[in-house]
Amino acid sequence: MTQSVQKYLLYFISVLLITGGSLLWASAPSGAAQETPEEIYAPILGSYELDMSAFGWGNVNIRFFVEDGKLWTQTDMSNGPEEMLRIDEKLFEFMVEDPDEGRYDIIFKQDKAGNYTQCQVKNTSQEIDVTGKKIE
């Protein structure tokens, strides 16, 4: 090893010791907090109103919320909340499996400003395909 390479290595090691190695890890800070489910799903949380009059139900409110680290949904007609599961790891596309009514797909849609203001609810076995607007 040449003398200039040795000097460079010595200099590099000195800098690492002085900075505690922070030059190598500047782009990946230690202890960086991961997003919570509440933060991840914040853009879609809240209530939406679906016009279900074509099915004889009138307007139905559907609420999306996080509890115990999981995303849940509940309508004003249901007995209890149902856990929502992602479809193919897509961020805001989910499914809910109802033992009596079958699978519901729930897809959140953005407006022109990029805000999630609508959700589409589909159930092929029930021939349901409606889109609701966010109300809160």
C-alpha atoms as a PDB file:
ATOM      1  CA  MET A   1       0.000   0.000   0.000  1.00  0.00           C
ATOM      2  CA  THR A   2       1.393   3.359  -0.966  1.00  0.00           C
ATOM      3  CA  GLN A   3       1.981   6.073   1.548  1.00  0.00           C
ATOM      4  CA  SER A   4      -0.741   8.312   0.031  1.00  0.00           C
ATOM      5  CA  VAL A   5      -3.332   5.521   0.298  1.00  0.00           C
ATOM      6  CA  GLN A   6      -2.309   4.918   3.913  1.00  0.00           C
ATOM      7  CA  LYS A   7      -2.727   8.635   4.684  1.00  0.00           C
ATOM      8  CA  TYR A   8      -6.151   8.639   3.019  1.00  0.00           C
ATOM      9  CA  LEU A   9      -7.301   5.584   5.011  1.00  0.00           C
ATOM     10  CA  LEU A  10      -5.988   7.065   8.240  1.00  0.00           C
ATOM     11  CA  TYR A  11      -7.803  10.327   7.481  1.00  0.00           C
ATOM     12  CA  PHE A  12     -11.024   8.475   6.609  1.00  0.00           C
ATOM     13  CA  ILE A  13     -10.906   6.375   9.806  1.00  0.00           C
ATOM     14  CA  SER A  14     -10.241   9.520  11.871  1.00  0.00           C
ATOM     15  CA  VAL A  15     -13.264  11.255  10.393  1.00  0.00           C
ATOM     16  CA  LEU A  16     -15.424   8.218  11.092  1.00  0.00           C
ATOM     17  CA  LEU A  17     -14.251   8.081  14.695  1.00  0.00           C
ATOM     18  CA  ILE A  18     -14.791  11.813  15.213  1.00  0.00           C
ATOM     19  CA  THR A  19     -18.275  11.835  13.678  1.00  0.00           C
ATOM     20  CA  GLY A  20     -19.297   8.536  15.198  1.00  0.00           C
ATOM     21  CA  GLY A  21     -19.912   7.126  11.734  1.00  0.00           C
ATOM     22  CA  SER A  22     -22.728   9.579  11.079  1.00  0.00           C
ATOM     23  CA  LEU A  23     -21.382  10.378   7.628  1.00  0.00           C
ATOM     24  CA  LEU A  24     -22.142   6.849   6.511  1.00  0.00           C
ATOM     25  CA  TRP A  25     -25.640   6.817   7.984  1.00  0.00           C
ATOM     26  CA  ALA A  26     -26.811  10.353   7.239  1.00  0.00           C
ATOM     27  CA  SER A  27     -29.558   9.135   4.911  1.00  0.00           C
ATOM     28  CA  ALA A  28     -30.899   6.520   7.359  1.00  0.00           C
ATOM     29  CA  PRO A  29     -31.249   8.005  10.835  1.00  0.00           C
ATOM     30  CA  SER A  30     -31.351   5.509  13.639  1.00  0.00           C
ATOM     31  CA  GLY A  31     -34.587   5.232  15.573  1.00  0.00           C
ATOM     32  CA  ALA A  32     -36.708   6.641  12.750  1.00  0.00           C
ATOM     33  CA  ALA A  33     -40.353   6.208  13.709  1.00  0.00           C
ATOM     34  CA  GLN A  34     -42.584   4.085  11.530  1.00  0.00           C
ATOM     35  CA  GLU A  35     -46.045   5.318  10.656  1.00  0.00           C
ATOM     36  CA  THR A  36     -48.903   4.030  12.770  1.00  0.00           C
ATOM     37  CA  PRO A  37     -52.040   2.583  11.154  1.00  0.00           C
ATOM     38  CA  GLU A  38     -53.865   5.796  12.137  1.00  0.00           C
ATOM     39  CA  GLU A  39     -51.296   7.828  10.175  1.00  0.00           C
ATOM     40  CA  ILE A  40     -51.285   5.472   7.188  1.00  0.00           C
ATOM     41  CA  TYR A  41     -55.069   5.387   6.852  1.00  0.00           C
ATOM     42  CA  ALA A  42     -55.761   9.000   7.920  1.00  0.00           C
ATOM     43  CA  PRO A  43     -56.673  10.119   4.359  1.00  0.00           C
ATOM     44  CA  ILE A  44     -59.596   7.659   4.179  1.00  0.00           C
ATOM     45  CA  LEU A  45     -60.842   7.530   7.776  1.00  0.00           C
ATOM     46  CA  GLY A  46     -64.287   8.919   8.524  1.00  0.00           C
ATOM     47  CA  SER A  47     -67.827   8.430   7.303  1.00  0.00           C
ATOM     48  CA  TYR A  48     -69.176   8.178   3.782  1.00  0.00           C
ATOM     49  CA  GLU A  49     -72.769   8.256   2.549  1.00  0.00           C
ATOM     50  CA  LEU A  50     -73.905   5.673   0.001  1.00  0.00           C
ATOM     51  CA  ASP A  51     -77.146   6.019  -1.958  1.00  0.00           C
ATOM     52  CA  MET A  52     -78.562   2.495  -1.692  1.00  0.00           C
ATOM     53  CA  SER A  53     -82.124   3.444  -2.696  1.00  0.00           C
ATOM     54  CA  ALA A  54     -81.859   1.198  -5.779  1.00  0.00           C
ATOM     55  CA  PHE A  55     -81.680  -1.701  -3.309  1.00  0.00           C
ATOM     56  CA  GLY A  56     -84.518  -0.447  -1.107  1.00  0.00           C
ATOM     57  CA  TRP A  57     -82.265   0.764   1.697  1.00  0.00           C
ATOM     58  CA  GLY A  58     -82.147   4.539   1.132  1.00  0.00           C
ATOM     59  CA  ASN A  59     -78.959   6.325   2.223  1.00  0.00           C
ATOM     60  CA  VAL A  60     -76.494   4.216   4.202  1.00  0.00           C
ATOM     61  CA  ASN A  61     -73.603   5.639   6.208  1.00  0.00           C
ATOM     62  CA  ILE A  62     -70.402   3.619   6.273  1.00  0.00           C
ATOM     63  CA  ARG A  63     -67.629   4.479   8.718  1.00  0.00           C
ATOM     64  CA  PHE A  64     -63.943   3.573   8.472  1.00  0.00           C
ATOM     65  CA  PHE A  65     -61.786   3.605  11.597  1.00  0.00           C
ATOM     66  CA  VAL A  66     -58.660   2.125  13.162  1.00  0.00           C
ATOM     67  CA  GLU A  67     -58.864   0.073  16.324  1.00  0.00           C
ATOM     68  CA  ASP A  68     -56.204  -2.187  17.838  1.00  0.00           C
ATOM     69  CA  GLY A  69     -53.897  -1.374  14.902  1.00  0.00           C
ATOM     70  CA  LYS A  70     -56.357  -2.674  12.280  1.00  0.00           C
ATOM     71  CA  LEU A  71     -58.651  -0.974   9.786  1.00  0.00           C
ATOM     72  CA  TRP A  72     -62.364  -1.588  10.349  1.00  0.00           C
ATOM     73  CA  THR A  73     -65.653  -0.641   8.733  1.00  0.00           C
ATOM     74  CA  GLN A  74     -69.209  -0.482  10.012  1.00  0.00           C
ATOM     75  CA  THR A  75     -72.444   0.686   8.436  1.00  0.00           C
ATOM     76  CA  ASP A  76     -75.419   2.102  10.277  1.00  0.00           C
ATOM     77  CA  MET A  77     -77.257  -1.111   9.262  1.00  0.00           C
ATOM     78  CA  SER A  78     -74.682  -3.680  10.461  1.00  0.00           C
ATOM     79  CA  ASN A  79     -74.533  -5.517  13.771  1.00  0.00           C
ATOM     80  CA  GLY A  80     -70.838  -4.903  14.306  1.00  0.00           C
ATOM     81  CA  PRO A  81     -67.615  -3.803  12.661  1.00  0.00           C
ATOM     82  CA  GLU A  82     -65.813  -5.874  10.026  1.00  0.00           C
ATOM     83  CA  GLU A  83     -62.047  -5.954   9.574  1.00  0.00           C
ATOM     84  CA  MET A  84     -60.836  -4.687   6.207  1.00  0.00           C
ATOM     85  CA  LEU A  85     -58.059  -6.557   4.401  1.00  0.00           C
ATOM     86  CA  ARG A  86     -55.913  -5.095   1.621  1.00  0.00           C
ATOM     87  CA  ILE A  87     -56.414  -6.319  -1.931  1.00  0.00           C
ATOM     88  CA  ASP A  88     -53.041  -7.303  -3.441  1.00  0.00           C
ATOM     89  CA  GLU A  89     -51.196  -4.894  -1.120  1.00  0.00           C
ATOM     90  CA  LYS A  90     -52.772  -1.853  -2.807  1.00  0.00           C
ATOM     91  CA  LEU A  91     -52.772   1.039  -0.358  1.00  0.00           C
ATOM     92  CA  PHE A  92     -56.446   2.031  -0.416  1.00  0.00           C
ATOM     93  CA  GLU A  93     -58.208  -1.001  -1.911  1.00  0.00           C
ATOM     94  CA  PHE A  94     -59.726  -3.456   0.539  1.00  0.00           C
ATOM     95  CA  MET A  95     -62.050  -6.400   0.894  1.00  0.00           C
ATOM     96  CA  VAL A  96     -64.467  -7.436   3.607  1.00  0.00           C
ATOM     97  CA  GLU A  97     -65.784 -10.987   3.742  1.00  0.00           C
ATOM     98  CA  ASP A  98     -69.349 -11.241   5.045  1.00  0.00           C
ATOM     99  CA  PRO A  99     -70.483 -14.824   5.801  1.00  0.00           C
ATOM    100  CA  ASP A 100     -74.044 -14.088   4.635  1.00  0.00           C
ATOM    101  CA  GLU A 101     -73.565 -11.563   1.825  1.00  0.00           C
ATOM    102  CA  GLY A 102     -70.180 -12.550   0.370  1.00  0.00           C
ATOM    103  CA  ARG A 103     -67.173 -10.449  -0.462  1.00  0.00           C
ATOM    104  CA  TYR A 104     -67.299  -6.668  -0.559  1.00  0.00           C
ATOM    105  CA  ASP A 105     -64.558  -4.727  -2.329  1.00  0.00           C
ATOM    106  CA  ILE A 106     -64.018  -1.183  -1.095  1.00  0.00           C
ATOM    107  CA  ILE A 107     -61.943   1.169  -3.231  1.00  0.00           C
ATOM    108  CA  PHE A 108     -61.145   4.720  -2.170  1.00  0.00           C
ATOM    109  CA  LYS A 109     -60.913   7.391  -4.857  1.00  0.00           C
ATOM    110  CA  GLN A 110     -59.205  10.761  -4.989  1.00  0.00           C
ATOM    111  CA  ASP A 111     -60.617  14.036  -6.229  1.00  0.00           C
ATOM    112  CA  LYS A 112     -58.685  16.371  -8.555  1.00  0.00           C
ATOM    113  CA  ALA A 113     -56.879  17.904  -5.558  1.00  0.00           C
ATOM    114  CA  GLY A 114     -55.601  14.479  -4.461  1.00  0.00           C
ATOM    115  CA  ASN A 115     -57.889  14.122  -1.434  1.00  0.00           C
ATOM    116  CA  TYR A 116     -59.721  10.854  -0.812  1.00  0.00           C
ATOM    117  CA  THR A 117     -63.360  11.935  -0.981  1.00  0.00           C
ATOM    118  CA  GLN A 118     -65.181   8.892  -2.354  1.00  0.00           C
ATOM    119  CA  CYS A 119     -65.384   5.169  -1.766  1.00  0.00           C
ATOM    120  CA  GLN A 120     -66.732   2.588  -4.159  1.00  0.00           C
ATOM    121  CA  VAL A 121     -68.393  -0.479  -2.663  1.00  0.00           C
ATOM    122  CA  LYS A 122     -68.838  -3.568  -4.827  1.00  0.00           C
ATOM    123  CA  ASN A 123     -70.365  -6.955  -4.137  1.00  0.00           C
ATOM    124  CA  THR A 124     -70.788  -9.067  -7.263  1.00  0.00           C
ATOM    125  CA  SER A 125     -72.955 -11.731  -5.593  1.00  0.00           C
ATOM    126  CA  GLN A 126     -75.407  -9.021  -4.467  1.00  0.00           C
ATOM    127  CA  GLU A 127     -75.008  -7.016  -7.724  1.00  0.00           C
ATOM    128  CA  ILE A 128     -73.988  -3.950  -5.732  1.00  0.00           C
ATOM    129  CA  ASP A 129     -71.709  -1.290  -7.195  1.00  0.00           C
ATOM    130  CA  VAL A 130     -72.166   2.118  -5.586  1.00  0.00           C
ATOM    131  CA  THR A 131     -69.916   5.090  -4.903  1.00  0.00           C
ATOM    132  CA  GLY A 132     -70.373   7.231  -1.821  1.00  0.00           C
ATOM    133  CA  LYS A 133     -69.073  10.645  -0.805  1.00  0.00           C
ATOM    134  CA  LYS A 134     -67.126  11.443   2.335  1.00  0.00           C
ATOM    135  CA  ILE A 135     -69.306  13.324   4.824  1.00  0.00           C
ATOM    136  CA  GLU A 136     -66.866  13.690   7.752  1.00  0.00           C
END
